[in-house]
């Protein structure tokens, strides 16, 4: 697992989708997670509002190797990736739209 001080990068193969032109919102979810549904809506709305931003949802149970490598401990967990796939922000729990938009500032 990468250390806290190491730069973590993900690519299209890691997340199973193309990275956004400007940023990517990566959401780790699980099937019976109620907050995951609300998080999906919030992240999709933000991605639709901000040009070049993509939202990718990953089933945590299906991608346990990636979950372990990234130290994901709860769902939903959201990672904000910059255009190069570098993780610039991460948060567990259901985010507010304003917080997601603010976090994107670190990636854009």
Protein backbone atom coordinates (compact mmCIF):
# COMPACT_ATOMS: atom_id res chain seq x y z
CA UNK A 1 0.00 0.00 0.00
CA UNK A 2 1.40 3.43 -0.86
CA UNK A 3 2.50 5.45 2.13
CA UNK A 4 0.79 8.70 3.09
CA UNK A 5 3.63 10.76 1.62
CA UNK A 6 3.78 8.88 -1.66
CA UNK A 7 1.95 10.17 -4.69
CA UNK A 8 -0.90 7.82 -5.60
CA UNK A 9 -1.94 7.65 -9.23
CA UNK A 10 -4.69 5.65 -10.87
CA UNK A 11 -5.22 5.06 -14.56
CA UNK A 12 -8.05 3.82 -16.77
CA UNK A 13 -7.09 0.18 -16.14
CA UNK A 14 -7.24 0.73 -12.36
CA UNK A 15 -10.69 2.31 -12.34
CA UNK A 16 -12.22 0.51 -15.32
CA UNK A 17 -13.03 3.71 -17.22
CA UNK A 18 -11.31 6.57 -18.96
CA UNK A 19 -10.08 9.43 -16.79
CA UNK A 20 -11.86 12.76 -17.14
CA UNK A 21 -10.17 15.39 -19.28
CA UNK A 22 -9.75 17.70 -16.26
CA UNK A 23 -10.60 15.54 -13.23
CA UNK A 24 -12.24 12.28 -12.17
CA UNK A 25 -14.50 11.62 -9.19
CA UNK A 26 -13.99 7.98 -8.18
CA UNK A 27 -16.64 6.59 -5.85
CA UNK A 28 -16.22 3.30 -3.99
CA UNK A 29 -19.63 1.84 -3.18
CA UNK A 30 -21.23 -1.36 -1.94
CA UNK A 31 -24.56 -2.90 -2.92
CA UNK A 32 -26.59 -2.24 0.22
CA UNK A 33 -25.11 1.14 1.12
CA UNK A 34 -27.88 3.78 1.30
CA UNK A 35 -25.47 6.77 1.44
CA UNK A 36 -23.81 5.41 -1.70
CA UNK A 37 -26.97 6.09 -3.72
CA UNK A 38 -27.11 9.71 -2.60
CA UNK A 39 -23.37 10.07 -3.22
CA UNK A 40 -23.83 8.69 -6.75
CA UNK A 41 -26.45 11.37 -7.48
CA UNK A 42 -24.32 14.17 -6.01
CA UNK A 43 -21.15 13.20 -7.87
CA UNK A 44 -23.03 12.70 -11.15
CA UNK A 45 -24.61 16.16 -10.78
CA UNK A 46 -21.24 17.79 -10.14
CA UNK A 47 -19.62 15.95 -13.06
CA UNK A 48 -22.46 17.16 -15.33
CA UNK A 49 -21.99 20.76 -14.11
CA UNK A 50 -18.20 20.98 -14.47
CA UNK A 51 -16.76 20.45 -17.94
CA UNK A 52 -14.09 17.78 -18.33
CA UNK A 53 -15.01 16.04 -15.06
CA UNK A 54 -16.02 12.36 -15.06
CA UNK A 55 -17.71 10.31 -12.32
CA UNK A 56 -16.75 6.64 -12.00
CA UNK A 57 -18.38 4.31 -9.49
CA UNK A 58 -16.50 1.19 -8.37
CA UNK A 59 -18.09 -1.77 -6.58
CA UNK A 60 -15.80 -2.14 -3.57
CA UNK A 61 -16.70 -5.79 -3.07
CA UNK A 62 -15.75 -6.65 -6.66
CA UNK A 63 -12.44 -4.75 -6.49
CA UNK A 64 -11.06 -5.81 -3.09
CA UNK A 65 -7.45 -5.69 -4.27
CA UNK A 66 -7.78 -2.04 -5.25
CA UNK A 67 -9.73 -1.26 -2.06
CA UNK A 68 -6.94 -2.76 0.06
CA UNK A 69 -4.17 -1.08 -1.94
CA UNK A 70 -5.82 2.32 -1.45
CA UNK A 71 -6.76 1.75 2.20
CA UNK A 72 -10.49 2.22 1.59
CA UNK A 73 -12.15 1.41 4.93
CA UNK A 74 -15.78 2.44 4.35
CA UNK A 75 -18.32 3.08 1.62
CA UNK A 76 -18.96 5.51 0.20
CA UNK A 77 -15.43 6.79 -0.21
CA UNK A 78 -14.70 9.37 -2.89
CA UNK A 79 -11.32 10.05 -4.47
CA UNK A 80 -10.71 13.18 -6.53
CA UNK A 81 -8.15 12.59 -9.28
CA UNK A 82 -6.49 15.28 -11.35
CA UNK A 83 -6.13 14.97 -15.13
CA UNK A 84 -3.04 12.76 -14.69
CA UNK A 85 -4.85 10.38 -12.30
CA UNK A 86 -3.11 11.66 -9.17
CA UNK A 87 -5.25 11.40 -6.03
CA UNK A 88 -5.54 14.97 -4.74
CA UNK A 89 -8.42 14.55 -2.25
CA UNK A 90 -10.22 11.71 -0.53
CA UNK A 91 -13.22 11.61 1.77
CA UNK A 92 -15.36 8.93 3.38
CA UNK A 93 -19.09 9.36 3.84
CA UNK A 94 -21.80 11.13 1.91
CA UNK A 95 -20.46 14.44 0.56
CA UNK A 96 -22.31 17.70 0.12
CA UNK A 97 -22.30 19.12 -3.40
CA UNK A 98 -20.47 22.29 -2.24
CA UNK A 99 -17.71 20.17 -0.67
CA UNK A 100 -17.25 18.17 -3.88
CA UNK A 101 -17.00 21.36 -5.94
CA UNK A 102 -14.46 22.78 -3.47
CA UNK A 103 -12.43 19.54 -3.56
CA UNK A 104 -12.34 19.70 -7.36
CA UNK A 105 -10.44 22.97 -7.00
CA UNK A 106 -7.38 20.96 -5.97
CA UNK A 107 -7.55 18.95 -9.19
CA UNK A 108 -8.34 21.66 -11.74
